[in-house]
Amino acid sequence: MPKTVAIVIRTSPLNTLKSVEAFRLGIGLTLQGNKVKLLLTESGAWNALPLKGRLLERPDADQFIQSMELCGVDAYVDSESLPASLLPGIRPEFRIRTNREVMEIIERAEEVIPY
């Protein structure tokens, strides 16, 4: 039975594969009809910026980020996890929310998967 699933990404995009795997999982969960919400908070908020990980020879979630809208994945970034000066540079696939709004999304989800 389809559920509302919140995937909370708290890890940096440059030091592990966790964030790339979280994006991949989010896309995959839509195949079973789930409503997926990706939430970027803490160090995970850096995933919302166009970092060009391939230039740094790091894993790149770009292909999954570009597929989110097509798959119906809603993506949010915690505005309090990044310096205010970087917020205008956030990729258009992500909606900016306050920390409280992110917590409300988590509270309403039927399943929560932390990364």
PDB file of N, CA and C in Angstrom:
ATOM      1  N   MET A   1       0.845  -1.178   0.000  1.00  0.00           N
ATOM      2  CA  MET A   1       0.000   0.000   0.000  1.00  0.00           C
ATOM      3  C   MET A   1       0.897   1.250   0.000  1.00  0.00           C
ATOM      4  N   PRO A   2       0.671   2.177  -0.919  1.00  0.00           N
ATOM      5  CA  PRO A   2       1.491   3.388  -1.005  1.00  0.00           C
ATOM      6  C   PRO A   2       1.424   4.219   0.281  1.00  0.00           C
ATOM      7  N   LYS A   3       2.548   4.840   0.596  1.00  0.00           N
ATOM      8  CA  LYS A   3       2.666   5.655   1.797  1.00  0.00           C
ATOM      9  C   LYS A   3       3.336   6.979   1.458  1.00  0.00           C
ATOM     10  N   THR A   4       3.254   7.896   2.412  1.00  0.00           N
ATOM     11  CA  THR A   4       4.028   9.124   2.330  1.00  0.00           C
ATOM     12  C   THR A   4       5.342   8.862   3.051  1.00  0.00           C
ATOM     13  N   VAL A   5       6.443   8.971   2.310  1.00  0.00           N
ATOM     14  CA  VAL A   5       7.760   8.652   2.847  1.00  0.00           C
ATOM     15  C   VAL A   5       8.621   9.913   2.841  1.00  0.00           C
ATOM     16  N   ALA A   6       9.186  10.230   3.994  1.00  0.00           N
ATOM     17  CA  ALA A   6      10.125  11.350   4.108  1.00  0.00           C
ATOM     18  C   ALA A   6      11.532  10.775   4.187  1.00  0.00           C
ATOM     19  N   ILE A   7      12.388  11.201   3.270  1.00  0.00           N
ATOM     20  CA  ILE A   7      13.796  10.816   3.312  1.00  0.00           C
ATOM     21  C   ILE A   7      14.565  12.048   3.778  1.00  0.00           C
ATOM     22  N   VAL A   8      15.183  11.936   4.934  1.00  0.00           N
ATOM     23  CA  VAL A   8      15.900  13.054   5.539  1.00  0.00           C
ATOM     24  C   VAL A   8      17.397  12.882   5.272  1.00  0.00           C
ATOM     25  N   ILE A   9      17.937  13.774   4.465  1.00  0.00           N
ATOM     26  CA  ILE A   9      19.358  13.708   4.112  1.00  0.00           C
ATOM     27  C   ILE A   9      20.110  14.722   4.972  1.00  0.00           C
ATOM     28  N   ARG A  10      20.973  14.203   5.836  1.00  0.00           N
ATOM     29  CA  ARG A  10      21.740  15.044   6.755  1.00  0.00           C
ATOM     30  C   ARG A  10      23.235  14.985   6.472  1.00  0.00           C
ATOM     31  N   THR A  11      23.642  14.241   5.448  1.00  0.00           N
ATOM     32  CA  THR A  11      25.064  14.065   5.170  1.00  0.00           C
ATOM     33  C   THR A  11      25.518  14.915   3.991  1.00  0.00           C
ATOM     34  N   SER A  12      26.747  15.353   4.079  1.00  0.00           N
ATOM     35  CA  SER A  12      27.356  16.186   3.049  1.00  0.00           C
ATOM     36  C   SER A  12      27.434  15.438   1.721  1.00  0.00           C
ATOM     37  N   PRO A  13      27.327  16.155   0.615  1.00  0.00           N
ATOM     38  CA  PRO A  13      27.418  15.499  -0.687  1.00  0.00           C
ATOM     39  C   PRO A  13      28.848  15.127  -1.080  1.00  0.00           C
ATOM     40  N   LEU A  14      29.829  15.585  -0.354  1.00  0.00           N
ATOM     41  CA  LEU A  14      31.204  15.408  -0.809  1.00  0.00           C
ATOM     42  C   LEU A  14      32.019  14.378  -0.036  1.00  0.00           C
ATOM     43  N   ASN A  15      31.513  13.858   1.077  1.00  0.00           N
ATOM     44  CA  ASN A  15      32.379  12.956   1.820  1.00  0.00           C
ATOM     45  C   ASN A  15      31.873  11.520   1.924  1.00  0.00           C
ATOM     46  N   THR A  16      30.664  11.227   1.460  1.00  0.00           N
ATOM     47  CA  THR A  16      30.171   9.851   1.457  1.00  0.00           C
ATOM     48  C   THR A  16      29.265   9.637   0.248  1.00  0.00           C
ATOM     49  N   LEU A  17      28.877   8.397   0.042  1.00  0.00           N
ATOM     50  CA  LEU A  17      27.909   8.067  -1.008  1.00  0.00           C
ATOM     51  C   LEU A  17      26.475   8.129  -0.484  1.00  0.00           C
ATOM     52  N   LYS A  18      26.303   8.394   0.808  1.00  0.00           N
ATOM     53  CA  LYS A  18      24.975   8.335   1.409  1.00  0.00           C
ATOM     54  C   LYS A  18      23.963   9.243   0.719  1.00  0.00           C
ATOM     55  N   SER A  19      24.338  10.465   0.427  1.00  0.00           N
ATOM     56  CA  SER A  19      23.356  11.377  -0.162  1.00  0.00           C
ATOM     57  C   SER A  19      22.947  10.928  -1.565  1.00  0.00           C
ATOM     58  N   VAL A  20      23.895  10.431  -2.347  1.00  0.00           N
ATOM     59  CA  VAL A  20      23.565   9.929  -3.687  1.00  0.00           C
ATOM     60  C   VAL A  20      22.611   8.741  -3.572  1.00  0.00           C
ATOM     61  N   GLU A  21      22.884   7.842  -2.629  1.00  0.00           N
ATOM     62  CA  GLU A  21      22.008   6.687  -2.411  1.00  0.00           C
ATOM     63  C   GLU A  21      20.620   7.122  -1.940  1.00  0.00           C
ATOM     64  N   ALA A  22      20.545   8.170  -1.141  1.00  0.00           N
ATOM     65  CA  ALA A  22      19.254   8.664  -0.676  1.00  0.00           C
ATOM     66  C   ALA A  22      18.415   9.193  -1.844  1.00  0.00           C
ATOM     67  N   PHE A  23      19.041   9.932  -2.749  1.00  0.00           N
ATOM     68  CA  PHE A  23      18.321  10.422  -3.928  1.00  0.00           C
ATOM     69  C   PHE A  23      17.850   9.254  -4.790  1.00  0.00           C
ATOM     70  N   ARG A  24      18.714   8.274  -4.969  1.00  0.00           N
ATOM     71  CA  ARG A  24      18.358   7.094  -5.775  1.00  0.00           C
ATOM     72  C   ARG A  24      17.192   6.340  -5.133  1.00  0.00           C
ATOM     73  N   LEU A  25      17.238   6.178  -3.833  1.00  0.00           N
ATOM     74  CA  LEU A  25      16.152   5.512  -3.117  1.00  0.00           C
ATOM     75  C   LEU A  25      14.845   6.271  -3.284  1.00  0.00           C
ATOM     76  N   GLY A  26      14.908   7.586  -3.195  1.00  0.00           N
ATOM     77  CA  GLY A  26      13.699   8.400  -3.345  1.00  0.00           C
ATOM     78  C   GLY A  26      13.018   8.181  -4.683  1.00  0.00           C
ATOM     79  N   ILE A  27      13.811   8.139  -5.742  1.00  0.00           N
ATOM     80  CA  ILE A  27      13.263   7.877  -7.075  1.00  0.00           C
ATOM     81  C   ILE A  27      12.669   6.468  -7.114  1.00  0.00           C
ATOM     82  N   GLY A  28      13.390   5.497  -6.582  1.00  0.00           N
ATOM     83  CA  GLY A  28      12.929   4.106  -6.599  1.00  0.00           C
ATOM     84  C   GLY A  28      11.637   3.895  -5.835  1.00  0.00           C
ATOM     85  N   LEU A  29      11.449   4.588  -4.724  1.00  0.00           N
ATOM     86  CA  LEU A  29      10.231   4.414  -3.931  1.00  0.00           C
ATOM     87  C   LEU A  29       8.967   4.875  -4.667  1.00  0.00           C
ATOM     88  N   THR A  30       9.142   5.750  -5.642  1.00  0.00           N
ATOM     89  CA  THR A  30       7.968   6.205  -6.398  1.00  0.00           C
ATOM     90  C   THR A  30       7.418   5.113  -7.305  1.00  0.00           C
ATOM     91  N   LEU A  31       8.243   4.118  -7.614  1.00  0.00           N
ATOM     92  CA  LEU A  31       7.803   3.039  -8.495  1.00  0.00           C
ATOM     93  C   LEU A  31       6.684   2.204  -7.878  1.00  0.00           C
ATOM     94  N   GLN A  32       6.554   2.251  -6.556  1.00  0.00           N
ATOM     95  CA  GLN A  32       5.486   1.529  -5.869  1.00  0.00           C
ATOM     96  C   GLN A  32       4.329   2.450  -5.510  1.00  0.00           C
ATOM     97  N   GLY A  33       4.319   3.640  -6.082  1.00  0.00           N
ATOM     98  CA  GLY A  33       3.222   4.568  -5.858  1.00  0.00           C
ATOM     99  C   GLY A  33       3.344   5.412  -4.605  1.00  0.00           C
ATOM    100  N   ASN A  34       4.473   5.344  -3.921  1.00  0.00           N
ATOM    101  CA  ASN A  34       4.662   6.136  -2.709  1.00  0.00           C
ATOM    102  C   ASN A  34       4.811   7.608  -3.040  1.00  0.00           C
ATOM    103  N   LYS A  35       4.379   8.461  -2.129  1.00  0.00           N
ATOM    104  CA  LYS A  35       4.586   9.906  -2.230  1.00  0.00           C
ATOM    105  C   LYS A  35       5.860  10.204  -1.458  1.00  0.00           C
ATOM    106  N   VAL A  36       6.907  10.628  -2.164  1.00  0.00           N
ATOM    107  CA  VAL A  36       8.220  10.806  -1.549  1.00  0.00           C
ATOM    108  C   VAL A  36       8.526  12.286  -1.373  1.00  0.00           C
ATOM    109  N   LYS A  37       9.045  12.601  -0.178  1.00  0.00           N
ATOM    110  CA  LYS A  37       9.497  13.946   0.131  1.00  0.00           C
ATOM    111  C   LYS A  37      10.941  13.863   0.593  1.00  0.00           C
ATOM    112  N   LEU A  38      11.838  14.494  -0.155  1.00  0.00           N
ATOM    113  CA  LEU A  38      13.252  14.558   0.213  1.00  0.00           C
ATOM    114  C   LEU A  38      13.487  15.835   0.999  1.00  0.00           C
ATOM    115  N   LEU A  39      14.089  15.694   2.162  1.00  0.00           N
ATOM    116  CA  LEU A  39      14.322  16.833   3.039  1.00  0.00           C
ATOM    117  C   LEU A  39      15.816  16.970   3.298  1.00  0.00           C
ATOM    118  N   LEU A  40      16.393  18.083   2.877  1.00  0.00           N
ATOM    119  CA  LEU A  40      17.817  18.323   3.065  1.00  0.00           C
ATOM    120  C   LEU A  40      18.001  19.236   4.267  1.00  0.00           C
ATOM    121  N   THR A  41      18.717  18.743   5.267  1.00  0.00           N
ATOM    122  CA  THR A  41      18.942  19.525   6.473  1.00  0.00           C
ATOM    123  C   THR A  41      20.355  19.283   6.989  1.00  0.00           C
ATOM    124  N   GLU A  42      20.801  20.124   7.894  1.00  0.00           N
ATOM    125  CA  GLU A  42      22.153  20.072   8.435  1.00  0.00           C
ATOM    126  C   GLU A  42      23.154  20.075   7.279  1.00  0.00           C
ATOM    127  N   SER A  43      24.157  19.206   7.292  1.00  0.00           N
ATOM    128  CA  SER A  43      25.150  19.176   6.204  1.00  0.00           C
ATOM    129  C   SER A  43      24.543  18.720   4.887  1.00  0.00           C
ATOM    130  N   GLY A  44      23.416  18.029   4.946  1.00  0.00           N
ATOM    131  CA  GLY A  44      22.738  17.575   3.741  1.00  0.00           C
ATOM    132  C   GLY A  44      22.197  18.706   2.883  1.00  0.00           C
ATOM    133  N   ALA A  45      22.020  19.884   3.482  1.00  0.00           N
ATOM    134  CA  ALA A  45      21.509  21.033   2.727  1.00  0.00           C
ATOM    135  C   ALA A  45      22.443  21.424   1.586  1.00  0.00           C
ATOM    136  N   TRP A  46      23.718  21.093   1.708  1.00  0.00           N
ATOM    137  CA  TRP A  46      24.674  21.416   0.642  1.00  0.00           C
ATOM    138  C   TRP A  46      24.362  20.670  -0.645  1.00  0.00           C
ATOM    139  N   ASN A  47      23.575  19.603  -0.569  1.00  0.00           N
ATOM    140  CA  ASN A  47      23.159  18.875  -1.774  1.00  0.00           C
ATOM    141  C   ASN A  47      22.267  19.721  -2.679  1.00  0.00           C
ATOM    142  N   ALA A  48      21.679  20.777  -2.158  1.00  0.00           N
ATOM    143  CA  ALA A  48      20.789  21.626  -2.945  1.00  0.00           C
ATOM    144  C   ALA A  48      21.540  22.629  -3.809  1.00  0.00           C
ATOM    145  N   LEU A  49      22.838  22.707  -3.633  1.00  0.00           N
ATOM    146  CA  LEU A  49      23.651  23.631  -4.426  1.00  0.00           C
ATOM    147  C   LEU A  49      24.298  22.888  -5.590  1.00  0.00           C
ATOM    148  N   PRO A  50      24.463  23.537  -6.722  1.00  0.00           N
ATOM    149  CA  PRO A  50      25.133  22.894  -7.866  1.00  0.00           C
ATOM    150  C   PRO A  50      26.643  22.831  -7.625  1.00  0.00           C
ATOM    151  N   LEU A  51      27.105  21.733  -7.010  1.00  0.00           N
ATOM    152  CA  LEU A  51      28.502  21.630  -6.590  1.00  0.00           C
ATOM    153  C   LEU A  51      29.438  21.023  -7.623  1.00  0.00           C
ATOM    154  N   LYS A  52      28.917  20.378  -8.646  1.00  0.00           N
ATOM    155  CA  LYS A  52      29.734  19.753  -9.687  1.00  0.00           C
ATOM    156  C   LYS A  52      30.724  18.758  -9.085  1.00  0.00           C
ATOM    157  N   GLY A  53      30.182  17.788  -8.401  1.00  0.00           N
ATOM    158  CA  GLY A  53      30.994  16.778  -7.743  1.00  0.00           C
ATOM    159  C   GLY A  53      31.922  16.023  -8.677  1.00  0.00           C
ATOM    160  N   ARG A  54      31.537  15.874  -9.922  1.00  0.00           N
ATOM    161  CA  ARG A  54      32.387  15.145 -10.872  1.00  0.00           C
ATOM    162  C   ARG A  54      33.726  15.840 -11.083  1.00  0.00           C
ATOM    163  N   LEU A  55      33.717  17.176 -11.041  1.00  0.00           N
ATOM    164  CA  LEU A  55      34.980  17.905 -11.186  1.00  0.00           C
ATOM    165  C   LEU A  55      35.910  17.618 -10.018  1.00  0.00           C
ATOM    166  N   LEU A  56      35.324  17.299  -8.874  1.00  0.00           N
ATOM    167  CA  LEU A  56      36.108  16.985  -7.675  1.00  0.00           C
ATOM    168  C   LEU A  56      36.319  15.481  -7.526  1.00  0.00           C
ATOM    169  N   GLU A  57      35.895  14.746  -8.551  1.00  0.00           N
ATOM    170  CA  GLU A  57      35.973  13.287  -8.542  1.00  0.00           C
ATOM    171  C   GLU A  57      35.206  12.689  -7.364  1.00  0.00           C
ATOM    172  N   ARG A  58      34.033  13.230  -7.127  1.00  0.00           N
ATOM    173  CA  ARG A  58      33.148  12.755  -6.073  1.00  0.00           C
ATOM    174  C   ARG A  58      31.851  12.276  -6.719  1.00  0.00           C
ATOM    175  N   PRO A  59      31.109  11.414  -6.039  1.00  0.00           N
ATOM    176  CA  PRO A  59      29.824  10.964  -6.576  1.00  0.00           C
ATOM    177  C   PRO A  59      28.896  12.157  -6.819  1.00  0.00           C
ATOM    178  N   ASP A  60      28.080  12.049  -7.830  1.00  0.00           N
ATOM    179  CA  ASP A  60      27.215  13.161  -8.224  1.00  0.00           C
ATOM    180  C   ASP A  60      25.769  12.690  -8.288  1.00  0.00           C
ATOM    181  N   ALA A  61      24.900  13.359  -7.567  1.00  0.00           N
ATOM    182  CA  ALA A  61      23.478  13.008  -7.539  1.00  0.00           C
ATOM    183  C   ALA A  61      22.693  13.725  -8.634  1.00  0.00           C
ATOM    184  N   ASP A  62      23.375  14.409  -9.519  1.00  0.00           N
ATOM    185  CA  ASP A  62      22.728  15.244 -10.523  1.00  0.00           C
ATOM    186  C   ASP A  62      21.658  14.517 -11.337  1.00  0.00           C
ATOM    187  N   GLN A  63      21.949  13.306 -11.794  1.00  0.00           N
ATOM    188  CA  GLN A  63      20.971  12.577 -12.612  1.00  0.00           C
ATOM    189  C   GLN A  63      19.697  12.285 -11.831  1.00  0.00           C
ATOM    190  N   PHE A  64      19.816  12.022 -10.533  1.00  0.00           N
ATOM    191  CA  PHE A  64      18.639  11.740  -9.718  1.00  0.00           C
ATOM    192  C   PHE A  64      17.875  13.027  -9.407  1.00  0.00           C
ATOM    193  N   ILE A  65      18.606  14.102  -9.151  1.00  0.00           N
ATOM    194  CA  ILE A  65      17.964  15.386  -8.869  1.00  0.00           C
ATOM    195  C   ILE A  65      17.154  15.835 -10.078  1.00  0.00           C
ATOM    196  N   GLN A  66      17.692  15.651 -11.277  1.00  0.00           N
ATOM    197  CA  GLN A  66      16.988  16.049 -12.488  1.00  0.00           C
ATOM    198  C   GLN A  66      15.743  15.193 -12.726  1.00  0.00           C
ATOM    199  N   SER A  67      15.709  13.979 -12.196  1.00  0.00           N
ATOM    200  CA  SER A  67      14.569  13.064 -12.385  1.00  0.00           C
ATOM    201  C   SER A  67      13.464  13.242 -11.350  1.00  0.00           C
ATOM    202  N   MET A  68      13.742  13.974 -10.283  1.00  0.00           N
ATOM    203  CA  MET A  68      12.769  14.064  -9.183  1.00  0.00           C
ATOM    204  C   MET A  68      11.407  14.581  -9.626  1.00  0.00           C
ATOM    205  N   GLU A  69      11.385  15.664 -10.361  1.00  0.00           N
ATOM    206  CA  GLU A  69      10.110  16.247 -10.777  1.00  0.00           C
ATOM    207  C   GLU A  69       9.320  15.282 -11.658  1.00  0.00           C
ATOM    208  N   LEU A  70       9.996  14.619 -12.577  1.00  0.00           N
ATOM    209  CA  LEU A  70       9.328  13.649 -13.457  1.00  0.00           C
ATOM    210  C   LEU A  70       8.686  12.512 -12.665  1.00  0.00           C
ATOM    211  N   CYS A  71       9.320  12.151 -11.556  1.00  0.00           N
ATOM    212  CA  CYS A  71       8.834  11.033 -10.731  1.00  0.00           C
ATOM    213  C   CYS A  71       7.875  11.483  -9.628  1.00  0.00           C
ATOM    214  N   GLY A  72       7.651  12.769  -9.502  1.00  0.00           N
ATOM    215  CA  GLY A  72       6.731  13.267  -8.487  1.00  0.00           C
ATOM    216  C   GLY A  72       7.322  13.378  -7.097  1.00  0.00           C
ATOM    217  N   VAL A  73       8.639  13.463  -7.003  1.00  0.00           N
ATOM    218  CA  VAL A  73       9.299  13.614  -5.705  1.00  0.00           C
ATOM    219  C   VAL A  73       9.334  15.100  -5.349  1.00  0.00           C
ATOM    220  N   ASP A  74       8.865  15.427  -4.143  1.00  0.00           N
ATOM    221  CA  ASP A  74       8.947  16.794  -3.640  1.00  0.00           C
ATOM    222  C   ASP A  74      10.243  16.927  -2.857  1.00  0.00           C
ATOM    223  N   ALA A  75      10.987  17.994  -3.091  1.00  0.00           N
ATOM    224  CA  ALA A  75      12.276  18.167  -2.427  1.00  0.00           C
ATOM    225  C   ALA A  75      12.340  19.526  -1.742  1.00  0.00           C
ATOM    226  N   TYR A  76      12.826  19.515  -0.510  1.00  0.00           N
ATOM    227  CA  TYR A  76      12.880  20.721   0.307  1.00  0.00           C
ATOM    228  C   TYR A  76      14.262  20.854   0.932  1.00  0.00           C
ATOM    229  N   VAL A  77      14.684  22.084   1.147  1.00  0.00           N
ATOM    230  CA  VAL A  77      15.949  22.344   1.827  1.00  0.00           C
ATOM    231  C   VAL A  77      15.665  23.252   3.023  1.00  0.00           C
ATOM    232  N   ASP A  78      16.274  22.916   4.141  1.00  0.00           N
ATOM    233  CA  ASP A  78      16.150  23.687   5.374  1.00  0.00           C
ATOM    234  C   ASP A  78      16.958  24.975   5.221  1.00  0.00           C
ATOM    235  N   SER A  79      16.275  26.102   5.204  1.00  0.00           N
ATOM    236  CA  SER A  79      16.932  27.392   4.980  1.00  0.00           C
ATOM    237  C   SER A  79      17.898  27.761   6.097  1.00  0.00           C
ATOM    238  N   GLU A  80      17.722  27.165   7.256  1.00  0.00           N
ATOM    239  CA  GLU A  80      18.571  27.503   8.399  1.00  0.00           C
ATOM    240  C   GLU A  80      19.855  26.676   8.433  1.00  0.00           C
ATOM    241  N   SER A  81      20.006  25.743   7.491  1.00  0.00           N
ATOM    242  CA  SER A  81      21.201  24.901   7.445  1.00  0.00           C
ATOM    243  C   SER A  81      22.284  25.443   6.523  1.00  0.00           C
ATOM    244  N   LEU A  82      21.974  26.486   5.791  1.00  0.00           N
ATOM    245  CA  LEU A  82      22.946  27.104   4.879  1.00  0.00           C
ATOM    246  C   LEU A  82      23.063  28.591   5.200  1.00  0.00           C
ATOM    247  N   PRO A  83      24.215  29.189   4.903  1.00  0.00           N
ATOM    248  CA  PRO A  83      24.321  30.641   5.049  1.00  0.00           C
ATOM    249  C   PRO A  83      23.306  31.332   4.131  1.00  0.00           C
ATOM    250  N   ALA A  84      22.707  32.398   4.614  1.00  0.00           N
ATOM    251  CA  ALA A  84      21.678  33.122   3.840  1.00  0.00           C
ATOM    252  C   ALA A  84      22.196  33.565   2.478  1.00  0.00           C
ATOM    253  N   SER A  85      23.477  33.860   2.380  1.00  0.00           N
ATOM    254  CA  SER A  85      24.034  34.320   1.108  1.00  0.00           C
ATOM    255  C   SER A  85      24.007  33.240   0.027  1.00  0.00           C
ATOM    256  N   LEU A  86      23.896  31.968   0.417  1.00  0.00           N
ATOM    257  CA  LEU A  86      23.869  30.870  -0.560  1.00  0.00           C
ATOM    258  C   LEU A  86      22.456  30.490  -1.002  1.00  0.00           C
ATOM    259  N   LEU A  87      21.445  30.931  -0.291  1.00  0.00           N
ATOM    260  CA  LEU A  87      20.067  30.534  -0.611  1.00  0.00           C
ATOM    261  C   LEU A  87      19.641  30.889  -2.034  1.00  0.00           C
ATOM    262  N   PRO A  88      20.039  32.045  -2.593  1.00  0.00           N
ATOM    263  CA  PRO A  88      19.657  32.321  -3.980  1.00  0.00           C
ATOM    264  C   PRO A  88      20.248  31.341  -4.993  1.00  0.00           C
ATOM    265  N   GLY A  89      21.315  30.631  -4.637  1.00  0.00           N
ATOM    266  CA  GLY A  89      21.963  29.706  -5.557  1.00  0.00           C
ATOM    267  C   GLY A  89      21.435  28.285  -5.500  1.00  0.00           C
ATOM    268  N   ILE A  90      20.401  28.060  -4.701  1.00  0.00           N
ATOM    269  CA  ILE A  90      19.836  26.713  -4.578  1.00  0.00           C
ATOM    270  C   ILE A  90      19.213  26.289  -5.907  1.00  0.00           C
ATOM    271  N   ARG A  91      19.422  25.032  -6.259  1.00  0.00           N
ATOM    272  CA  ARG A  91      18.864  24.491  -7.500  1.00  0.00           C
ATOM    273  C   ARG A  91      17.341  24.650  -7.508  1.00  0.00           C
ATOM    274  N   PRO A  92      16.765  24.876  -8.684  1.00  0.00           N
ATOM    275  CA  PRO A  92      15.311  25.104  -8.769  1.00  0.00           C
ATOM    276  C   PRO A  92      14.460  23.896  -8.384  1.00  0.00           C
ATOM    277  N   GLU A  93      15.048  22.708  -8.317  1.00  0.00           N
ATOM    278  CA  GLU A  93      14.299  21.509  -7.955  1.00  0.00           C
ATOM    279  C   GLU A  93      13.924  21.484  -6.467  1.00  0.00           C
ATOM    280  N   PHE A  94      14.554  22.357  -5.673  1.00  0.00           N
ATOM    281  CA  PHE A  94      14.330  22.359  -4.226  1.00  0.00           C
ATOM    282  C   PHE A  94      13.541  23.584  -3.785  1.00  0.00           C
ATOM    283  N   ARG A  95      12.618  23.352  -2.862  1.00  0.00           N
ATOM    284  CA  ARG A  95      11.853  24.446  -2.269  1.00  0.00           C
ATOM    285  C   ARG A  95      12.473  24.771  -0.911  1.00  0.00           C
ATOM    286  N   ILE A  96      12.619  26.039  -0.637  1.00  0.00           N
ATOM    287  CA  ILE A  96      13.222  26.480   0.623  1.00  0.00           C
ATOM    288  C   ILE A  96      12.143  26.513   1.701  1.00  0.00           C
ATOM    289  N   ARG A  97      12.451  25.886   2.845  1.00  0.00           N
ATOM    290  CA  ARG A  97      11.538  25.852   3.990  1.00  0.00           C
ATOM    291  C   ARG A  97      12.326  26.140   5.260  1.00  0.00           C
ATOM    292  N   THR A  98      11.639  26.635   6.274  1.00  0.00           N
ATOM    293  CA  THR A  98      12.287  26.842   7.569  1.00  0.00           C
ATOM    294  C   THR A  98      12.469  25.493   8.246  1.00  0.00           C
ATOM    295  N   ASN A  99      13.288  25.484   9.275  1.00  0.00           N
ATOM    296  CA  ASN A  99      13.509  24.251  10.024  1.00  0.00           C
ATOM    297  C   ASN A  99      12.198  23.728  10.591  1.00  0.00           C
ATOM    298  N   ARG A 100      11.351  24.600  11.076  1.00  0.00           N
ATOM    299  CA  ARG A 100      10.051  24.177  11.639  1.00  0.00           C
ATOM    300  C   ARG A 100       9.181  23.535  10.562  1.00  0.00           C
ATOM    301  N   GLU A 101       9.153  24.106   9.368  1.00  0.00           N
ATOM    302  CA  GLU A 101       8.367  23.532   8.272  1.00  0.00           C
ATOM    303  C   GLU A 101       8.886  22.151   7.871  1.00  0.00           C
ATOM    304  N   VAL A 102      10.209  21.979   7.877  1.00  0.00           N
ATOM    305  CA  VAL A 102      10.797  20.677   7.576  1.00  0.00           C
ATOM    306  C   VAL A 102      10.363  19.665   8.634  1.00  0.00           C
ATOM    307  N   MET A 103      10.381  20.072   9.902  1.00  0.00           N
ATOM    308  CA  MET A 103       9.962  19.177  10.986  1.00  0.00           C
ATOM    309  C   MET A 103       8.489  18.784  10.851  1.00  0.00           C
ATOM    310  N   GLU A 104       7.659  19.692  10.408  1.00  0.00           N
ATOM    311  CA  GLU A 104       6.238  19.387  10.209  1.00  0.00           C
ATOM    312  C   GLU A 104       6.042  18.352   9.101  1.00  0.00           C
ATOM    313  N   ILE A 105       6.828  18.444   8.047  1.00  0.00           N
ATOM    314  CA  ILE A 105       6.757  17.454   6.965  1.00  0.00           C
ATOM    315  C   ILE A 105       7.137  16.081   7.506  1.00  0.00           C
ATOM    316  N   ILE A 106       8.173  16.045   8.327  1.00  0.00           N
ATOM    317  CA  ILE A 106       8.606  14.780   8.930  1.00  0.00           C
ATOM    318  C   ILE A 106       7.509  14.215   9.830  1.00  0.00           C
ATOM    319  N   GLU A 107       6.891  15.069  10.631  1.00  0.00           N
ATOM    320  CA  GLU A 107       5.834  14.621  11.543  1.00  0.00           C
ATOM    321  C   GLU A 107       4.639  14.037  10.802  1.00  0.00           C
ATOM    322  N   ARG A 108       4.327  14.559   9.630  1.00  0.00           N
ATOM    323  CA  ARG A 108       3.162  14.089   8.866  1.00  0.00           C
ATOM    324  C   ARG A 108       3.449  12.830   8.047  1.00  0.00           C
ATOM    325  N   ALA A 109       4.707  12.513   7.853  1.00  0.00           N
ATOM    326  CA  ALA A 109       5.065  11.339   7.023  1.00  0.00           C
ATOM    327  C   ALA A 109       4.690  10.042   7.735  1.00  0.00           C
ATOM    328  N   GLU A 110       4.297   9.056   6.926  1.00  0.00           N
ATOM    329  CA  GLU A 110       3.984   7.737   7.477  1.00  0.00           C
ATOM    330  C   GLU A 110       5.256   6.937   7.742  1.00  0.00           C
ATOM    331  N   GLU A 111       6.276   7.160   6.943  1.00  0.00           N
ATOM    332  CA  GLU A 111       7.580   6.510   7.108  1.00  0.00           C
ATOM    333  C   GLU A 111       8.659   7.575   6.987  1.00  0.00           C
ATOM    334  N   VAL A 112       9.701   7.446   7.815  1.00  0.00           N
ATOM    335  CA  VAL A 112      10.827   8.373   7.772  1.00  0.00           C
ATOM    336  C   VAL A 112      12.106   7.550   7.628  1.00  0.00           C
ATOM    337  N   ILE A 113      12.908   7.901   6.629  1.00  0.00           N
ATOM    338  CA  ILE A 113      14.171   7.207   6.386  1.00  0.00           C
ATOM    339  C   ILE A 113      15.294   8.230   6.527  1.00  0.00           C
ATOM    340  N   PRO A 114      16.126   8.095   7.564  1.00  0.00           N
ATOM    341  CA  PRO A 114      17.238   9.046   7.737  1.00  0.00           C
ATOM    342  C   PRO A 114      18.487   8.630   6.961  1.00  0.00           C
ATOM    343  N   TYR A 115      19.196   9.596   6.435  1.00  0.00           N
ATOM    344  CA  TYR A 115      20.481   9.364   5.773  1.00  0.00           C
ATOM    345  C   TYR A 115      21.493  10.331   6.340  1.00  0.00           C
TER     346      TYR A 115
END
